[in-house]
Amino acid sequence: MKSRIALSVLFVLIAAATFAQSDAQKSSAAPAPSEAQKSFTTMKSLAGEWEGPVTVADAPEMSGAKMHLSLRVTSRGNALVHEFQEAGTPLDATKYDHPVTMLYVDGEQLTLIHYCDAGNRPRMTGKMSPDGKTVEFEFKDISGSPEYHMHHAVFTLIDANHHTEDWTFMMQDKPMHAHFDLQRKN
């Protein structure tokens, strides 16, 4: 009887060791994050509230306005919501611009969809620079009228509390560039 118990205990210990070894191999064999995932992780590091001036060289009357940006990670970490508005204005879409942009990983691509005040939804794909400080988005396609649309975006990380955004808006076939110099508010 004692030998049966000892044999049973031995089998249990061997099985436990085998499963533990198998689990350790599985966790150590986790795939490396894709370039899109690395870029998205960089973008998610910007989550928070930001403020700073905008500069629009082609429209000096728009330059100097103080903008407020909210970046929020949502959907269990699978999406980043980017919301711009002029600082100090209420969230009233009937009177003020309030564009919303969503960023997420779609397969092997970092994707941005801009829900524009012009009534369309341009889609862009992004890539991170080799130094990991810039994520640049190139126009892919658009839902809605292409006459006026957001066409290009560049996010540059200066440090944990400072980043810039450069957006290019197409007005028919003429590009208009806006530069946002943003400081973290929280």
N, C-alpha and C. Protein backbone atom coordinates (compact mmCIF):
# COMPACT_ATOMS: atom_id res chain seq x y z
N MET A 1 0.83 -1.19 0.00
CA MET A 1 0.00 0.00 0.00
C MET A 1 0.87 1.25 0.00
N LYS A 2 1.93 1.24 0.85
CA LYS A 2 2.81 2.41 0.92
C LYS A 2 3.48 2.66 -0.43
N SER A 3 3.83 1.59 -1.15
CA SER A 3 4.49 1.77 -2.44
C SER A 3 3.54 2.36 -3.47
N ARG A 4 2.23 2.00 -3.40
CA ARG A 4 1.25 2.60 -4.31
C ARG A 4 1.10 4.09 -4.04
N ILE A 5 1.05 4.48 -2.78
CA ILE A 5 0.93 5.90 -2.43
C ILE A 5 2.17 6.64 -2.88
N ALA A 6 3.33 6.07 -2.65
CA ALA A 6 4.57 6.72 -3.07
C ALA A 6 4.62 6.86 -4.58
N LEU A 7 4.17 5.81 -5.30
CA LEU A 7 4.15 5.85 -6.75
C LEU A 7 3.17 6.92 -7.25
N SER A 8 2.01 7.03 -6.61
CA SER A 8 1.02 8.05 -6.99
C SER A 8 1.58 9.45 -6.77
N VAL A 9 2.22 9.64 -5.63
CA VAL A 9 2.83 10.94 -5.33
C VAL A 9 3.90 11.27 -6.37
N LEU A 10 4.70 10.29 -6.74
CA LEU A 10 5.75 10.48 -7.74
C LEU A 10 5.14 10.91 -9.08
N PHE A 11 4.06 10.24 -9.51
CA PHE A 11 3.40 10.61 -10.77
C PHE A 11 2.85 12.04 -10.72
N VAL A 12 2.25 12.40 -9.60
CA VAL A 12 1.71 13.76 -9.44
C VAL A 12 2.84 14.79 -9.54
N LEU A 13 3.96 14.51 -8.87
CA LEU A 13 5.10 15.43 -8.91
C LEU A 13 5.68 15.55 -10.32
N ILE A 14 5.78 14.42 -11.02
CA ILE A 14 6.30 14.45 -12.40
C ILE A 14 5.35 15.25 -13.29
N ALA A 15 4.04 15.02 -13.15
CA ALA A 15 3.06 15.74 -13.97
C ALA A 15 3.11 17.24 -13.67
N ALA A 16 3.20 17.60 -12.40
CA ALA A 16 3.27 19.02 -12.03
C ALA A 16 4.51 19.67 -12.60
N ALA A 17 5.65 18.97 -12.52
CA ALA A 17 6.90 19.53 -13.07
C ALA A 17 6.81 19.68 -14.58
N THR A 18 6.18 18.70 -15.25
CA THR A 18 6.04 18.76 -16.71
C THR A 18 5.17 19.94 -17.11
N PHE A 19 4.02 20.14 -16.44
CA PHE A 19 3.15 21.27 -16.76
C PHE A 19 3.83 22.60 -16.47
N ALA A 20 4.56 22.69 -15.37
CA ALA A 20 5.26 23.93 -15.03
C ALA A 20 6.31 24.25 -16.09
N GLN A 21 7.02 23.23 -16.55
CA GLN A 21 8.04 23.44 -17.59
C GLN A 21 7.36 23.87 -18.89
N SER A 22 6.24 23.24 -19.24
CA SER A 22 5.51 23.59 -20.45
C SER A 22 5.01 25.03 -20.39
N ASP A 23 4.47 25.46 -19.24
CA ASP A 23 4.00 26.84 -19.08
C ASP A 23 5.15 27.83 -19.18
N ALA A 24 6.29 27.49 -18.60
CA ALA A 24 7.46 28.38 -18.66
C ALA A 24 7.92 28.53 -20.10
N GLN A 25 7.90 27.43 -20.87
CA GLN A 25 8.29 27.52 -22.28
C GLN A 25 7.33 28.38 -23.07
N LYS A 26 6.02 28.24 -22.79
CA LYS A 26 5.02 29.05 -23.49
C LYS A 26 5.22 30.54 -23.22
N SER A 27 5.42 30.91 -21.94
CA SER A 27 5.55 32.33 -21.61
C SER A 27 6.85 32.92 -22.14
N SER A 28 7.91 32.12 -22.19
CA SER A 28 9.17 32.66 -22.70
C SER A 28 9.17 32.73 -24.23
N ALA A 29 8.24 32.03 -24.87
CA ALA A 29 8.19 32.02 -26.33
C ALA A 29 7.18 33.04 -26.86
N ALA A 30 6.75 33.98 -26.04
CA ALA A 30 5.79 34.99 -26.49
C ALA A 30 6.40 35.78 -27.65
N PRO A 31 5.61 36.01 -28.71
CA PRO A 31 6.16 36.72 -29.87
C PRO A 31 6.52 38.16 -29.52
N ALA A 32 7.55 38.64 -30.18
CA ALA A 32 7.95 40.04 -30.00
C ALA A 32 6.86 40.93 -30.57
N PRO A 33 6.62 42.10 -29.97
CA PRO A 33 5.59 42.99 -30.51
C PRO A 33 5.95 43.45 -31.93
N SER A 34 4.92 43.60 -32.76
CA SER A 34 5.12 44.06 -34.14
C SER A 34 5.49 45.55 -34.12
N GLU A 35 5.93 46.06 -35.25
CA GLU A 35 6.23 47.50 -35.37
C GLU A 35 4.98 48.32 -35.10
N ALA A 36 3.82 47.84 -35.57
CA ALA A 36 2.57 48.55 -35.32
C ALA A 36 2.26 48.60 -33.84
N GLN A 37 2.47 47.48 -33.12
CA GLN A 37 2.23 47.45 -31.68
C GLN A 37 3.18 48.38 -30.94
N LYS A 38 4.46 48.41 -31.34
CA LYS A 38 5.43 49.31 -30.71
C LYS A 38 5.00 50.76 -30.92
N SER A 39 4.57 51.10 -32.14
CA SER A 39 4.12 52.46 -32.44
C SER A 39 2.90 52.83 -31.60
N PHE A 40 1.98 51.88 -31.48
CA PHE A 40 0.76 52.12 -30.71
C PHE A 40 1.08 52.31 -29.23
N THR A 41 1.99 51.52 -28.71
CA THR A 41 2.42 51.69 -27.31
C THR A 41 3.00 53.08 -27.10
N THR A 42 3.79 53.55 -28.05
CA THR A 42 4.34 54.91 -27.98
C THR A 42 3.21 55.93 -27.96
N MET A 43 2.23 55.77 -28.84
CA MET A 43 1.11 56.71 -28.88
C MET A 43 0.31 56.69 -27.59
N LYS A 44 0.11 55.51 -27.01
CA LYS A 44 -0.66 55.41 -25.75
C LYS A 44 0.05 56.10 -24.59
N SER A 45 1.38 56.26 -24.68
CA SER A 45 2.11 56.95 -23.62
C SER A 45 1.71 58.43 -23.53
N LEU A 46 1.03 58.93 -24.55
CA LEU A 46 0.58 60.33 -24.56
C LEU A 46 -0.77 60.52 -23.86
N ALA A 47 -1.37 59.47 -23.35
CA ALA A 47 -2.68 59.59 -22.69
C ALA A 47 -2.63 60.67 -21.62
N GLY A 48 -3.64 61.55 -21.62
CA GLY A 48 -3.73 62.63 -20.64
C GLY A 48 -4.31 63.88 -21.27
N GLU A 49 -4.20 64.98 -20.54
CA GLU A 49 -4.72 66.28 -21.00
C GLU A 49 -3.54 67.17 -21.38
N TRP A 50 -3.64 67.87 -22.50
CA TRP A 50 -2.57 68.69 -23.05
C TRP A 50 -3.12 70.04 -23.47
N GLU A 51 -2.26 71.08 -23.43
CA GLU A 51 -2.64 72.39 -23.95
C GLU A 51 -1.43 73.06 -24.58
N GLY A 52 -1.73 73.91 -25.56
CA GLY A 52 -0.66 74.67 -26.19
C GLY A 52 -1.16 75.40 -27.42
N PRO A 53 -0.32 76.28 -27.96
CA PRO A 53 -0.72 77.10 -29.10
C PRO A 53 -0.64 76.34 -30.42
N VAL A 54 -1.43 76.81 -31.37
CA VAL A 54 -1.38 76.31 -32.73
C VAL A 54 -0.76 77.39 -33.62
N THR A 55 0.02 76.96 -34.59
CA THR A 55 0.59 77.87 -35.58
C THR A 55 0.14 77.39 -36.96
N VAL A 56 -0.49 78.29 -37.71
CA VAL A 56 -0.94 77.98 -39.07
C VAL A 56 -0.33 79.03 -39.98
N ALA A 57 0.77 78.69 -40.63
CA ALA A 57 1.51 79.67 -41.44
C ALA A 57 0.65 80.23 -42.57
N ASP A 58 -0.21 79.39 -43.17
CA ASP A 58 -1.05 79.83 -44.30
C ASP A 58 -2.25 80.65 -43.86
N ALA A 59 -2.53 80.69 -42.57
CA ALA A 59 -3.67 81.45 -42.04
C ALA A 59 -3.27 82.07 -40.71
N PRO A 60 -2.47 83.16 -40.76
CA PRO A 60 -1.96 83.76 -39.52
C PRO A 60 -3.05 84.14 -38.51
N GLU A 61 -4.25 84.43 -39.00
CA GLU A 61 -5.35 84.79 -38.08
C GLU A 61 -5.73 83.61 -37.18
N MET A 62 -5.39 82.39 -37.59
CA MET A 62 -5.68 81.21 -36.77
C MET A 62 -4.54 80.89 -35.80
N SER A 63 -3.39 81.45 -36.04
CA SER A 63 -2.21 81.16 -35.20
C SER A 63 -2.34 81.79 -33.82
N GLY A 64 -1.77 81.12 -32.84
CA GLY A 64 -1.75 81.64 -31.48
C GLY A 64 -2.90 81.17 -30.63
N ALA A 65 -3.96 80.61 -31.23
CA ALA A 65 -5.07 80.11 -30.43
C ALA A 65 -4.56 78.99 -29.52
N LYS A 66 -5.02 78.98 -28.29
CA LYS A 66 -4.63 77.94 -27.35
C LYS A 66 -5.59 76.76 -27.52
N MET A 67 -5.01 75.59 -27.75
CA MET A 67 -5.80 74.39 -27.98
C MET A 67 -5.73 73.47 -26.77
N HIS A 68 -6.80 72.71 -26.58
CA HIS A 68 -6.86 71.69 -25.54
C HIS A 68 -6.98 70.34 -26.24
N LEU A 69 -6.18 69.37 -25.80
CA LEU A 69 -6.19 68.03 -26.35
C LEU A 69 -6.40 67.03 -25.23
N SER A 70 -7.32 66.12 -25.45
CA SER A 70 -7.53 65.00 -24.54
C SER A 70 -7.18 63.72 -25.29
N LEU A 71 -6.31 62.93 -24.71
CA LEU A 71 -5.96 61.62 -25.27
C LEU A 71 -6.32 60.57 -24.22
N ARG A 72 -7.14 59.61 -24.62
CA ARG A 72 -7.66 58.63 -23.66
C ARG A 72 -7.56 57.22 -24.24
N VAL A 73 -6.95 56.30 -23.48
CA VAL A 73 -6.89 54.90 -23.86
C VAL A 73 -8.24 54.28 -23.49
N THR A 74 -8.81 53.50 -24.42
CA THR A 74 -10.12 52.89 -24.19
C THR A 74 -10.15 51.49 -24.79
N SER A 75 -11.28 50.84 -24.69
CA SER A 75 -11.50 49.50 -25.27
C SER A 75 -10.44 48.49 -24.82
N ARG A 76 -10.24 48.44 -23.50
CA ARG A 76 -9.27 47.51 -22.88
C ARG A 76 -7.88 47.68 -23.46
N GLY A 77 -7.53 48.92 -23.78
CA GLY A 77 -6.18 49.20 -24.27
C GLY A 77 -6.02 49.06 -25.77
N ASN A 78 -7.10 48.79 -26.48
CA ASN A 78 -7.03 48.55 -27.92
C ASN A 78 -7.30 49.78 -28.78
N ALA A 79 -7.66 50.90 -28.17
CA ALA A 79 -7.93 52.12 -28.95
C ALA A 79 -7.47 53.34 -28.15
N LEU A 80 -7.11 54.38 -28.89
CA LEU A 80 -6.74 55.66 -28.30
C LEU A 80 -7.64 56.72 -28.92
N VAL A 81 -8.35 57.47 -28.06
CA VAL A 81 -9.24 58.54 -28.51
C VAL A 81 -8.49 59.87 -28.38
N HIS A 82 -8.46 60.63 -29.46
CA HIS A 82 -7.76 61.92 -29.56
C HIS A 82 -8.84 62.97 -29.83
N GLU A 83 -9.02 63.93 -28.90
CA GLU A 83 -10.06 64.96 -29.06
C GLU A 83 -9.46 66.35 -28.90
N PHE A 84 -9.61 67.16 -29.94
CA PHE A 84 -9.13 68.54 -29.93
C PHE A 84 -10.29 69.50 -29.75
N GLN A 85 -10.02 70.63 -29.10
CA GLN A 85 -10.95 71.75 -29.07
C GLN A 85 -10.17 72.99 -28.66
N GLU A 86 -10.70 74.15 -28.99
CA GLU A 86 -10.06 75.37 -28.54
C GLU A 86 -10.20 75.45 -27.02
N ALA A 87 -9.11 75.75 -26.33
CA ALA A 87 -9.11 75.81 -24.87
C ALA A 87 -10.17 76.81 -24.39
N GLY A 88 -10.89 76.44 -23.35
CA GLY A 88 -11.87 77.34 -22.76
C GLY A 88 -13.22 77.34 -23.44
N THR A 89 -13.42 76.54 -24.48
CA THR A 89 -14.73 76.49 -25.14
C THR A 89 -15.49 75.27 -24.65
N PRO A 90 -16.80 75.38 -24.57
CA PRO A 90 -17.60 74.23 -24.13
C PRO A 90 -17.67 73.17 -25.24
N LEU A 91 -17.99 71.95 -24.85
CA LEU A 91 -18.17 70.88 -25.84
C LEU A 91 -19.55 71.03 -26.47
N ASP A 92 -19.65 71.96 -27.41
CA ASP A 92 -20.91 72.23 -28.11
C ASP A 92 -20.62 72.13 -29.60
N ALA A 93 -20.92 70.97 -30.18
CA ALA A 93 -20.60 70.71 -31.59
C ALA A 93 -21.38 71.60 -32.55
N THR A 94 -22.43 72.26 -32.08
CA THR A 94 -23.18 73.15 -32.97
C THR A 94 -22.49 74.50 -33.14
N LYS A 95 -21.57 74.85 -32.22
CA LYS A 95 -20.91 76.15 -32.27
C LYS A 95 -19.40 76.07 -32.43
N TYR A 96 -18.77 74.96 -32.00
CA TYR A 96 -17.31 74.87 -31.97
C TYR A 96 -16.83 73.60 -32.65
N ASP A 97 -15.66 73.69 -33.25
CA ASP A 97 -15.02 72.50 -33.81
C ASP A 97 -14.59 71.59 -32.68
N HIS A 98 -14.74 70.31 -32.92
CA HIS A 98 -14.35 69.32 -31.93
C HIS A 98 -14.06 68.00 -32.64
N PRO A 99 -12.99 67.96 -33.45
CA PRO A 99 -12.69 66.73 -34.18
C PRO A 99 -12.23 65.62 -33.24
N VAL A 100 -12.61 64.41 -33.59
CA VAL A 100 -12.24 63.22 -32.83
C VAL A 100 -11.46 62.30 -33.76
N THR A 101 -10.38 61.77 -33.25
CA THR A 101 -9.53 60.84 -34.00
C THR A 101 -9.37 59.57 -33.19
N MET A 102 -9.47 58.44 -33.84
CA MET A 102 -9.29 57.14 -33.19
C MET A 102 -8.03 56.49 -33.75
N LEU A 103 -7.22 55.93 -32.87
CA LEU A 103 -6.01 55.21 -33.28
C LEU A 103 -6.10 53.79 -32.74
N TYR A 104 -5.68 52.82 -33.55
CA TYR A 104 -5.72 51.42 -33.14
C TYR A 104 -4.82 50.61 -34.08
N VAL A 105 -4.54 49.38 -33.70
CA VAL A 105 -3.75 48.48 -34.55
C VAL A 105 -4.73 47.61 -35.31
N ASP A 106 -4.58 47.59 -36.62
CA ASP A 106 -5.41 46.78 -37.51
C ASP A 106 -4.48 45.84 -38.27
N GLY A 107 -4.40 44.60 -37.82
CA GLY A 107 -3.47 43.65 -38.42
C GLY A 107 -2.04 44.09 -38.15
N GLU A 108 -1.31 44.38 -39.19
CA GLU A 108 0.08 44.83 -39.06
C GLU A 108 0.23 46.33 -39.26
N GLN A 109 -0.87 47.09 -39.15
CA GLN A 109 -0.83 48.53 -39.39
C GLN A 109 -1.33 49.31 -38.20
N LEU A 110 -0.61 50.37 -37.85
CA LEU A 110 -1.13 51.36 -36.92
C LEU A 110 -2.06 52.24 -37.74
N THR A 111 -3.31 52.32 -37.34
CA THR A 111 -4.33 53.01 -38.13
C THR A 111 -4.91 54.19 -37.36
N LEU A 112 -5.18 55.26 -38.09
CA LEU A 112 -5.79 56.47 -37.54
C LEU A 112 -7.01 56.77 -38.41
N ILE A 113 -8.16 56.98 -37.77
CA ILE A 113 -9.34 57.47 -38.48
C ILE A 113 -9.72 58.79 -37.84
N HIS A 114 -9.78 59.83 -38.67
CA HIS A 114 -10.09 61.18 -38.20
C HIS A 114 -11.54 61.50 -38.53
N TYR A 115 -12.36 61.68 -37.50
CA TYR A 115 -13.77 62.04 -37.68
C TYR A 115 -13.82 63.56 -37.74
N CYS A 116 -13.77 64.06 -38.96
CA CYS A 116 -13.51 65.47 -39.22
C CYS A 116 -14.77 66.33 -39.13
N ASP A 117 -14.57 67.58 -38.73
CA ASP A 117 -15.66 68.55 -38.73
C ASP A 117 -16.13 68.83 -40.15
N ALA A 118 -15.35 68.45 -41.16
CA ALA A 118 -15.74 68.61 -42.56
C ALA A 118 -16.74 67.52 -42.98
N GLY A 119 -17.04 66.58 -42.07
CA GLY A 119 -18.06 65.57 -42.35
C GLY A 119 -17.54 64.31 -43.02
N ASN A 120 -16.24 64.11 -43.04
CA ASN A 120 -15.70 62.90 -43.66
C ASN A 120 -14.81 62.15 -42.66
N ARG A 121 -14.28 61.02 -43.09
CA ARG A 121 -13.45 60.19 -42.22
C ARG A 121 -12.23 59.70 -42.98
N PRO A 122 -11.18 60.50 -43.04
CA PRO A 122 -9.95 60.01 -43.66
C PRO A 122 -9.29 58.95 -42.78
N ARG A 123 -8.70 57.97 -43.44
CA ARG A 123 -7.98 56.91 -42.75
C ARG A 123 -6.51 57.02 -43.15
N MET A 124 -5.63 56.91 -42.16
CA MET A 124 -4.19 56.99 -42.38
C MET A 124 -3.52 55.82 -41.70
N THR A 125 -2.34 55.47 -42.18
CA THR A 125 -1.54 54.43 -41.53
C THR A 125 -0.24 55.06 -41.05
N GLY A 126 0.22 54.60 -39.88
CA GLY A 126 1.37 55.23 -39.25
C GLY A 126 2.56 54.31 -39.08
N LYS A 127 3.72 54.94 -39.03
CA LYS A 127 4.98 54.24 -38.76
C LYS A 127 5.83 55.09 -37.84
N MET A 128 6.54 54.40 -36.96
CA MET A 128 7.42 55.09 -36.02
C MET A 128 8.81 55.24 -36.64
N SER A 129 9.45 56.36 -36.33
CA SER A 129 10.81 56.60 -36.80
C SER A 129 11.76 55.65 -36.08
N PRO A 130 12.93 55.41 -36.66
CA PRO A 130 13.90 54.51 -36.02
C PRO A 130 14.29 54.92 -34.61
N ASP A 131 14.28 56.24 -34.31
CA ASP A 131 14.67 56.67 -32.96
C ASP A 131 13.51 56.57 -31.95
N GLY A 132 12.30 56.20 -32.42
CA GLY A 132 11.16 56.00 -31.53
C GLY A 132 10.52 57.29 -31.03
N LYS A 133 10.87 58.44 -31.61
CA LYS A 133 10.35 59.72 -31.11
C LYS A 133 9.28 60.33 -32.01
N THR A 134 9.09 59.78 -33.20
CA THR A 134 8.13 60.34 -34.14
C THR A 134 7.27 59.23 -34.73
N VAL A 135 5.96 59.49 -34.79
CA VAL A 135 5.06 58.58 -35.49
C VAL A 135 4.40 59.41 -36.59
N GLU A 136 4.58 58.96 -37.84
CA GLU A 136 4.07 59.70 -39.00
C GLU A 136 2.96 58.89 -39.67
N PHE A 137 1.86 59.59 -39.98
CA PHE A 137 0.69 58.96 -40.59
C PHE A 137 0.52 59.46 -42.02
N GLU A 138 0.38 58.51 -42.95
CA GLU A 138 0.18 58.80 -44.36
C GLU A 138 -1.26 58.48 -44.74
N PHE A 139 -1.84 59.31 -45.59
CA PHE A 139 -3.20 59.13 -46.08
C PHE A 139 -3.35 57.79 -46.80
N LYS A 140 -4.42 57.06 -46.48
CA LYS A 140 -4.71 55.79 -47.15
C LYS A 140 -5.97 55.89 -48.00
N ASP A 141 -7.09 56.31 -47.37
CA ASP A 141 -8.34 56.46 -48.11
C ASP A 141 -9.29 57.31 -47.28
N ILE A 142 -10.50 57.53 -47.81
CA ILE A 142 -11.45 58.42 -47.13
C ILE A 142 -12.87 57.94 -47.34
N SER A 143 -13.70 58.08 -46.32
CA SER A 143 -15.14 57.89 -46.44
C SER A 143 -15.74 59.28 -46.42
N GLY A 144 -16.59 59.58 -47.37
CA GLY A 144 -17.17 60.91 -47.47
C GLY A 144 -16.43 61.73 -48.51
N SER A 145 -16.79 62.99 -48.61
CA SER A 145 -16.23 63.87 -49.63
C SER A 145 -14.73 64.12 -49.42
N PRO A 146 -13.93 63.94 -50.47
CA PRO A 146 -12.49 64.20 -50.35
C PRO A 146 -12.11 65.66 -50.61
N GLU A 147 -13.08 66.52 -50.90
CA GLU A 147 -12.78 67.90 -51.27
C GLU A 147 -11.97 68.62 -50.19
N TYR A 148 -12.39 68.52 -48.94
CA TYR A 148 -11.68 69.09 -47.80
C TYR A 148 -11.46 67.95 -46.81
N HIS A 149 -10.20 67.65 -46.51
CA HIS A 149 -9.97 66.53 -45.59
C HIS A 149 -8.58 66.59 -44.95
N MET A 150 -8.46 65.94 -43.80
CA MET A 150 -7.18 65.78 -43.15
C MET A 150 -6.40 64.75 -43.97
N HIS A 151 -5.11 65.05 -44.21
CA HIS A 151 -4.36 64.24 -45.16
C HIS A 151 -3.08 63.63 -44.58
N HIS A 152 -2.53 64.22 -43.55
CA HIS A 152 -1.23 63.77 -43.04
C HIS A 152 -1.11 64.22 -41.59
N ALA A 153 -0.43 63.43 -40.76
CA ALA A 153 -0.22 63.82 -39.36
C ALA A 153 1.13 63.28 -38.88
N VAL A 154 1.81 64.08 -38.06
CA VAL A 154 3.08 63.68 -37.46
C VAL A 154 3.03 64.03 -35.98
N PHE A 155 3.29 63.03 -35.14
CA PHE A 155 3.36 63.21 -33.70
C PHE A 155 4.83 63.07 -33.31
N THR A 156 5.38 64.10 -32.63
CA THR A 156 6.78 64.07 -32.21
C THR A 156 6.85 64.18 -30.70
N LEU A 157 7.45 63.18 -30.06
CA LEU A 157 7.58 63.17 -28.60
C LEU A 157 8.88 63.88 -28.22
N ILE A 158 8.75 64.98 -27.49
CA ILE A 158 9.91 65.73 -27.01
C ILE A 158 10.38 65.11 -25.69
N ASP A 159 9.44 64.98 -24.75
CA ASP A 159 9.67 64.27 -23.49
C ASP A 159 8.31 63.87 -22.94
N ALA A 160 8.24 63.33 -21.73
CA ALA A 160 6.98 62.82 -21.18
C ALA A 160 5.91 63.89 -21.02
N ASN A 161 6.32 65.16 -20.97
CA ASN A 161 5.37 66.26 -20.74
C ASN A 161 5.27 67.24 -21.89
N HIS A 162 5.85 66.90 -23.04
CA HIS A 162 5.86 67.82 -24.18
C HIS A 162 5.88 67.02 -25.47
N HIS A 163 4.93 67.31 -26.35
CA HIS A 163 4.96 66.73 -27.69
C HIS A 163 4.39 67.73 -28.67
N THR A 164 4.68 67.52 -29.95
CA THR A 164 4.12 68.37 -30.99
C THR A 164 3.31 67.49 -31.94
N GLU A 165 2.35 68.13 -32.60
CA GLU A 165 1.57 67.47 -33.64
C GLU A 165 1.54 68.40 -34.84
N ASP A 166 1.78 67.82 -35.99
CA ASP A 166 1.71 68.55 -37.25
C ASP A 166 0.67 67.86 -38.11
N TRP A 167 -0.37 68.62 -38.47
CA TRP A 167 -1.47 68.10 -39.27
C TRP A 167 -1.54 68.85 -40.59
N THR A 168 -1.81 68.13 -41.67
CA THR A 168 -1.99 68.74 -42.98
C THR A 168 -3.43 68.50 -43.42
N PHE A 169 -4.13 69.61 -43.69
CA PHE A 169 -5.52 69.59 -44.13
C PHE A 169 -5.54 69.99 -45.59
N MET A 170 -6.21 69.20 -46.41
CA MET A 170 -6.32 69.52 -47.84
C MET A 170 -7.58 70.33 -48.08
N MET A 171 -7.39 71.53 -48.62
CA MET A 171 -8.51 72.40 -48.99
C MET A 171 -8.59 72.34 -50.51
N GLN A 172 -9.45 71.46 -51.00
CA GLN A 172 -9.47 71.04 -52.40
C GLN A 172 -8.10 70.44 -52.67
N ASP A 173 -7.26 71.05 -53.45
CA ASP A 173 -5.93 70.47 -53.70
C ASP A 173 -4.81 71.27 -53.05
N LYS A 174 -5.15 72.22 -52.19
CA LYS A 174 -4.15 73.07 -51.54
C LYS A 174 -3.95 72.63 -50.09
N PRO A 175 -2.72 72.24 -49.73
CA PRO A 175 -2.48 71.83 -48.34
C PRO A 175 -2.39 73.02 -47.38
N MET A 176 -2.93 72.84 -46.19
CA MET A 176 -2.80 73.82 -45.10
C MET A 176 -2.21 73.08 -43.91
N HIS A 177 -1.09 73.59 -43.38
CA HIS A 177 -0.38 72.93 -42.29
C HIS A 177 -0.67 73.63 -40.96
N ALA A 178 -0.90 72.83 -39.93
CA ALA A 178 -1.09 73.34 -38.57
C ALA A 178 -0.10 72.64 -37.65
N HIS A 179 0.60 73.42 -36.83
CA HIS A 179 1.58 72.89 -35.88
C HIS A 179 1.06 73.17 -34.47
N PHE A 180 0.97 72.14 -33.65
CA PHE A 180 0.50 72.24 -32.27
C PHE A 180 1.67 71.93 -31.35
N ASP A 181 1.96 72.83 -30.42
CA ASP A 181 3.05 72.66 -29.44
C ASP A 181 2.39 72.44 -28.10
N LEU A 182 2.35 71.19 -27.62
CA LEU A 182 1.50 70.80 -26.50
C LEU A 182 2.29 70.41 -25.25
N GLN A 183 1.83 70.92 -24.12
CA GLN A 183 2.42 70.61 -22.80
C GLN A 183 1.37 69.83 -22.00
N ARG A 184 1.83 68.82 -21.27
CA ARG A 184 0.92 68.01 -20.47
C ARG A 184 0.32 68.86 -19.33
N LYS A 185 -0.98 68.72 -19.13
CA LYS A 185 -1.68 69.46 -18.06
C LYS A 185 -1.88 68.56 -16.82
N ASN A 186 -1.82 67.26 -16.99
CA ASN A 186 -1.94 66.34 -15.84
C ASN A 186 -1.15 65.09 -16.07
